[in-house]
Amino acid sequence: MNWYVGFVRDFPFVSAIIQFSILGTLGDFVSAKIARFKTPFPPRIAFMKALEWAFLAIFIKIAFIGYQGFVSALVINGVLPSFFVENLLLNAFARSLSMNLQFGVFLVLFHRLLDNLVLQTVNWKNMDKALISLIWFWIPAHTLTFALPKDFQIGLAALWSFMLGLLLSLFSRSPQEVK
């Protein structure tokens, strides 16, 4: 694990781009495969989706850095009590809640826009479900993520992206497909 931690510390944005492009694209592929029972997209589209995830990783990494400072600024300005900085779990929850209710909405919409561009389609269906996932999935997931040492946070977030794609594809299957 030392090589991983060293790489993440030395190249925070490059490591975020690599992790999200691999795990995000793999999540898209696996979830589409489960939902449709066929090859979900050709190699050219897989490459474009990897670039899409790489681009999103930059915004995600910036948000991870920025919302740590956001919660600290709320404490400094008396909006939140000091134990939101002192207590690891409360700090993780405050970061997750604020990030997902603000940045998360932008990310969901931007991600769908990029998906539409990559797939050359117009699909805004189920945006309500995607936005609600910020509450039932992303807030708890990022609370756990932000409770980890900083070096492991982006990697876990990329893994969560894969897991959410997997969960949503399993939920989207009809009862006949499950049998």
Protein backbone atom coordinates (compact mmCIF):
# COMPACT_ATOMS: atom_id res chain seq x y z
CA MET A 1 0.00 0.00 0.00
CA ASN A 2 2.99 2.32 0.40
CA TRP A 3 3.30 2.72 -3.38
CA TYR A 4 -0.40 3.64 -3.61
CA VAL A 5 -0.23 6.20 -0.78
CA GLY A 6 2.96 7.66 -2.24
CA PHE A 7 1.40 7.95 -5.69
CA VAL A 8 -1.77 9.58 -4.31
CA ARG A 9 0.28 12.08 -2.28
CA ASP A 10 2.69 12.90 -5.10
CA PHE A 11 0.08 13.05 -7.88
CA PRO A 12 -3.32 13.81 -6.30
CA PHE A 13 -5.09 14.82 -9.52
CA VAL A 14 -3.47 12.21 -11.75
CA SER A 15 -4.33 9.48 -9.24
CA ALA A 16 -7.94 10.73 -9.04
CA ILE A 17 -8.19 10.77 -12.85
CA ILE A 18 -6.81 7.23 -13.15
CA GLN A 19 -8.98 5.78 -10.38
CA PHE A 20 -12.22 7.36 -11.61
CA SER A 21 -11.56 6.65 -15.28
CA ILE A 22 -11.01 2.97 -14.53
CA LEU A 23 -13.62 2.35 -11.83
CA GLY A 24 -16.24 4.75 -13.22
CA THR A 25 -16.02 3.29 -16.73
CA LEU A 26 -16.00 -0.24 -15.36
CA GLY A 27 -19.08 0.62 -13.29
CA ASP A 28 -20.85 2.02 -16.36
CA PHE A 29 -19.95 -1.10 -18.34
CA VAL A 30 -20.98 -3.61 -15.67
CA SER A 31 -24.21 -1.82 -14.80
CA ALA A 32 -25.22 -1.52 -18.47
CA LYS A 33 -24.34 -5.18 -19.00
CA ILE A 34 -26.48 -6.27 -16.05
CA ALA A 35 -29.39 -4.04 -17.03
CA ARG A 36 -29.37 -4.98 -20.73
CA PHE A 37 -27.75 -8.45 -20.97
CA LYS A 38 -25.62 -7.43 -23.96
CA THR A 39 -22.40 -5.62 -24.67
CA PRO A 40 -23.36 -2.16 -23.46
CA PHE A 41 -21.05 -0.07 -25.62
CA PRO A 42 -18.20 -0.50 -28.12
CA PRO A 43 -14.55 0.22 -27.30
CA ARG A 44 -14.70 3.77 -28.74
CA ILE A 45 -17.55 4.66 -26.37
CA ALA A 46 -15.72 2.96 -23.47
CA PHE A 47 -12.72 5.19 -24.21
CA MET A 48 -14.94 8.29 -24.33
CA LYS A 49 -16.57 7.27 -21.03
CA ALA A 50 -13.11 6.86 -19.48
CA LEU A 51 -12.29 10.41 -20.60
CA GLU A 52 -15.61 11.59 -19.18
CA TRP A 53 -14.82 10.01 -15.80
CA ALA A 54 -11.29 11.43 -15.91
CA PHE A 55 -12.73 14.90 -16.47
CA LEU A 56 -15.26 14.46 -13.64
CA ALA A 57 -12.46 13.29 -11.33
CA ILE A 58 -10.86 16.73 -11.50
CA PHE A 59 -14.06 18.37 -10.20
CA ILE A 60 -14.50 15.66 -7.57
CA LYS A 61 -10.94 16.06 -6.28
CA ILE A 62 -11.38 19.84 -6.07
CA ALA A 63 -14.68 19.38 -4.19
CA PHE A 64 -13.03 16.99 -1.72
CA ILE A 65 -10.40 19.61 -0.96
CA GLY A 66 -12.80 22.55 -0.94
CA TYR A 67 -15.49 21.10 1.29
CA GLN A 68 -12.93 20.34 3.98
CA GLY A 69 -12.24 24.05 4.05
CA PHE A 70 -15.95 24.85 3.75
CA VAL A 71 -16.80 23.06 7.00
CA SER A 72 -13.82 24.70 8.73
CA ALA A 73 -14.99 28.12 7.52
CA LEU A 74 -18.48 27.45 8.90
CA VAL A 75 -16.94 26.70 12.31
CA ILE A 76 -14.63 29.74 12.18
CA ASN A 77 -17.61 31.98 11.39
CA GLY A 78 -19.79 30.51 14.14
CA VAL A 79 -22.28 28.79 11.84
CA LEU A 80 -21.33 25.37 13.21
CA PRO A 81 -20.00 24.57 16.69
CA SER A 82 -16.30 23.70 16.99
CA PHE A 83 -16.95 20.00 17.59
CA PHE A 84 -17.70 19.70 13.85
CA VAL A 85 -13.98 20.20 13.28
CA GLU A 86 -12.79 18.36 16.40
CA ASN A 87 -14.87 15.19 15.99
CA LEU A 88 -13.82 13.05 13.00
CA LEU A 89 -17.24 11.50 12.35
CA LEU A 90 -19.18 14.76 12.74
CA ASN A 91 -16.69 16.50 10.46
CA ALA A 92 -17.04 13.71 7.90
CA PHE A 93 -20.83 13.96 8.07
CA ALA A 94 -20.81 17.78 7.75
CA ARG A 95 -18.48 17.59 4.74
CA SER A 96 -20.56 14.88 3.12
CA LEU A 97 -23.88 16.62 3.75
CA SER A 98 -22.72 20.02 2.51
CA MET A 99 -20.86 18.62 -0.50
CA ASN A 100 -23.67 16.36 -1.67
CA LEU A 101 -26.46 18.90 -1.21
CA GLN A 102 -24.53 21.59 -3.08
CA PHE A 103 -21.87 20.19 -5.40
CA GLY A 104 -23.61 16.82 -5.74
CA VAL A 105 -26.59 18.31 -7.57
CA PHE A 106 -24.25 19.98 -10.07
CA LEU A 107 -22.25 16.77 -10.50
CA VAL A 108 -25.33 14.62 -11.18
CA LEU A 109 -26.61 17.03 -13.83
CA PHE A 110 -23.17 17.58 -15.37
CA HIS A 111 -22.48 13.84 -15.43
CA ARG A 112 -25.75 13.21 -17.29
CA LEU A 113 -24.95 16.01 -19.75
CA LEU A 114 -21.55 14.44 -20.45
CA ASP A 115 -23.16 10.99 -20.78
CA ASN A 116 -25.56 12.44 -23.34
CA LEU A 117 -22.65 13.94 -25.29
CA VAL A 118 -20.62 10.73 -25.21
CA LEU A 119 -23.59 8.55 -26.19
CA GLN A 120 -24.91 11.15 -28.65
CA THR A 121 -28.37 10.99 -27.16
CA VAL A 122 -30.78 13.06 -25.13
CA ASN A 123 -31.69 11.16 -21.97
CA TRP A 124 -32.82 12.98 -18.88
CA LYS A 125 -35.00 10.11 -17.61
CA ASN A 126 -34.79 9.10 -13.95
CA MET A 127 -32.97 12.27 -12.91
CA ASP A 128 -35.16 12.26 -9.82
CA LYS A 129 -33.68 8.89 -8.83
CA ALA A 130 -30.15 10.11 -9.53
CA LEU A 131 -30.69 13.19 -7.38
CA ILE A 132 -32.31 11.18 -4.57
CA SER A 133 -29.24 8.91 -4.57
CA LEU A 134 -27.37 11.89 -3.12
CA ILE A 135 -29.40 11.39 0.07
CA TRP A 136 -29.72 7.62 0.45
CA PHE A 137 -26.36 6.63 -1.01
CA TRP A 138 -23.84 9.45 -1.33
CA ILE A 139 -24.27 11.18 2.05
CA PRO A 140 -23.66 7.95 4.02
CA ALA A 141 -20.98 6.78 1.56
CA HIS A 142 -19.04 10.03 1.71
CA THR A 143 -19.41 10.21 5.48
CA LEU A 144 -17.47 6.94 5.62
CA THR A 145 -15.09 8.19 2.93
CA PHE A 146 -14.26 11.41 4.78
CA ALA A 147 -13.67 9.46 8.00
CA LEU A 148 -10.72 7.74 6.28
CA PRO A 149 -7.24 9.19 5.96
CA LYS A 150 -7.09 11.67 3.06
CA ASP A 151 -4.89 9.35 0.96
CA PHE A 152 -7.68 6.77 0.65
CA GLN A 153 -10.68 9.07 0.11
CA ILE A 154 -10.63 9.47 -3.68
CA GLY A 155 -10.00 5.76 -4.21
CA LEU A 156 -12.98 4.86 -2.07
CA ALA A 157 -15.13 7.48 -3.80
CA ALA A 158 -14.25 5.93 -7.17
CA LEU A 159 -15.15 2.51 -5.78
CA TRP A 160 -18.46 3.93 -4.48
CA SER A 161 -19.20 5.17 -8.03
CA PHE A 162 -18.75 1.62 -9.28
CA MET A 163 -20.96 0.25 -6.49
CA LEU A 164 -23.77 2.74 -7.13
CA GLY A 165 -23.81 1.83 -10.81
CA LEU A 166 -24.02 -1.82 -9.85
CA LEU A 167 -26.83 -1.22 -7.34
CA LEU A 168 -28.88 0.91 -9.72
CA SER A 169 -28.57 -1.64 -12.52
CA LEU A 170 -29.76 -4.42 -10.21
CA PHE A 171 -32.72 -2.27 -9.13
CA SER A 172 -33.59 -1.50 -12.75
CA ARG A 173 -33.97 -5.14 -13.74
CA SER A 174 -37.48 -6.38 -14.22
CA PRO A 175 -38.75 -9.31 -12.09
CA GLN A 176 -38.64 -11.57 -15.17
CA GLU A 177 -34.92 -10.86 -15.66
CA VAL A 178 -34.08 -11.73 -12.06
CA LYS A 179 -35.52 -15.26 -12.33
